[in-house]
Amino acid sequence: MGLRAKTSDTIYAGGESSQLFAEILETGASVRMRATGPSMVPLICTDDLVTVRKVPVADLAHGDIILFINHSGEAVVHRILRKRLRRGRIYVHTKGDA
C-alpha cells in the first residue's frame, strides 16, 4: 500500500493510530494529520497539516513523498529515493529531506 502525501513533514503516530489511518484510507477517504519531527524540514515542519490519500504502489515514483508504516508501527512521511521490483514485489527506499 502506498500513501502519497500532498504536503509533508514526518508524522509519527504509533500503534492504534497507524491502524486507524490505514483503515480510513482503505475507504478511499483522505486523512489530514499534524506533522511532528524534523526529518522533512524545510518542506514540512512540526505542526504543519499533512493530507494523505491512498494510491497504488505502481503509481509511485522517485521524488514522491509517501506515508508508510515502519517496522515499529509508526506512520512516517519521507521522500522516495529509489523504487525497485524484486521477486515480484515492489520496494521503495526512502529518506527524510533534512
Protein backbone atom coordinates (compact mmCIF):
# COMPACT_ATOMS: atom_id res chain seq x y z
CA MET A 1 0.00 0.00 0.00
CA GLY A 2 1.41 3.37 -0.96
CA LEU A 3 0.21 6.59 0.55
CA ARG A 4 1.20 9.80 -1.15
CA ALA A 5 1.39 12.94 0.96
CA LYS A 6 0.04 16.05 -0.78
CA THR A 7 2.03 18.22 1.62
CA SER A 8 4.62 16.81 4.01
CA ASP A 9 6.77 16.52 7.27
CA THR A 10 7.46 13.43 9.18
CA ILE A 11 4.47 12.08 11.01
CA TYR A 12 4.98 9.76 13.91
CA ALA A 13 1.90 8.02 15.15
CA GLY A 14 2.10 4.60 16.65
CA GLY A 15 0.01 1.55 17.30
CA GLU A 16 -3.72 2.04 17.09
CA SER A 17 -3.39 5.40 15.34
CA SER A 18 -1.45 3.83 12.46
CA GLN A 19 -4.06 1.09 12.11
CA LEU A 20 -6.85 3.65 12.15
CA PHE A 21 -5.14 5.69 9.39
CA ALA A 22 -4.85 2.57 7.25
CA GLU A 23 -8.49 1.62 7.75
CA ILE A 24 -9.73 5.12 6.88
CA LEU A 25 -7.53 5.29 3.77
CA GLU A 26 -8.85 1.89 2.63
CA THR A 27 -12.30 3.51 2.29
CA GLY A 28 -10.95 5.96 -0.29
CA ALA A 29 -11.04 8.93 2.07
CA SER A 30 -8.13 11.32 2.60
CA VAL A 31 -6.69 11.85 6.08
CA ARG A 32 -5.33 15.13 7.47
CA MET A 33 -2.92 15.00 10.37
CA ARG A 34 -0.49 17.25 12.16
CA ALA A 35 3.20 16.58 11.47
CA THR A 36 5.83 16.11 14.15
CA GLY A 37 9.57 15.64 13.85
CA PRO A 38 12.27 17.38 11.81
CA SER A 39 13.07 14.84 9.09
CA MET A 40 11.28 16.67 6.23
CA VAL A 41 12.28 20.26 7.17
CA PRO A 42 12.08 22.76 5.49
CA LEU A 43 9.31 21.36 3.27
CA ILE A 44 7.30 20.11 6.24
CA CYS A 45 7.73 21.44 9.76
CA THR A 46 6.35 20.38 13.12
CA ASP A 47 2.65 21.28 13.41
CA ASP A 48 2.13 21.54 9.62
CA LEU A 49 -1.04 19.82 8.43
CA VAL A 50 -0.44 16.95 6.02
CA THR A 51 -3.10 15.38 3.82
CA VAL A 52 -2.59 11.80 2.64
CA ARG A 53 -4.54 9.57 0.31
CA LYS A 54 -4.08 6.00 -0.84
CA VAL A 55 -2.51 5.47 -4.26
CA PRO A 56 -1.38 2.27 -5.99
CA VAL A 57 2.27 1.46 -5.27
CA ALA A 58 2.82 1.08 -9.01
CA ASP A 59 1.98 4.80 -9.42
CA LEU A 60 4.71 5.92 -7.01
CA ALA A 61 7.91 7.40 -8.45
CA HIS A 62 11.30 8.76 -7.43
CA GLY A 63 10.82 12.04 -5.56
CA ASP A 64 7.27 11.34 -4.39
CA ILE A 65 6.55 11.92 -0.71
CA ILE A 66 4.83 8.98 0.92
CA LEU A 67 3.42 7.97 4.27
CA PHE A 68 4.28 4.44 5.31
CA ILE A 69 4.11 2.37 8.48
CA ASN A 70 7.60 1.42 9.67
CA HIS A 71 8.63 -1.77 11.49
CA SER A 72 7.78 -0.17 14.84
CA GLY A 73 4.21 0.51 13.70
CA GLU A 74 4.75 4.28 13.37
CA ALA A 75 3.43 6.32 10.45
CA VAL A 76 6.37 8.09 8.76
CA VAL A 77 6.45 10.55 5.85
CA HIS A 78 9.60 10.50 3.69
CA ARG A 79 10.64 11.04 0.07
CA ILE A 80 11.20 8.10 -2.30
CA LEU A 81 14.84 7.82 -3.35
CA ARG A 82 14.54 4.56 -5.26
CA LYS A 83 11.86 2.11 -6.30
CA ARG A 84 12.58 -1.41 -7.50
CA LEU A 85 10.90 -4.69 -8.31
CA ARG A 86 12.34 -7.78 -6.64
CA ARG A 87 10.85 -11.26 -6.71
CA GLY A 88 7.51 -9.88 -7.83
CA ARG A 89 7.29 -7.26 -5.04
CA ILE A 90 7.81 -3.52 -5.24
CA TYR A 91 10.24 -2.00 -2.73
CA VAL A 92 10.86 1.69 -2.08
CA HIS A 93 13.91 3.22 -0.41
CA THR A 94 13.01 6.46 1.39
CA LYS A 95 14.71 9.24 3.33
CA GLY A 96 13.72 12.46 5.02
CA ASP A 97 14.82 15.70 3.36
CA ALA A 98 16.57 17.14 6.42
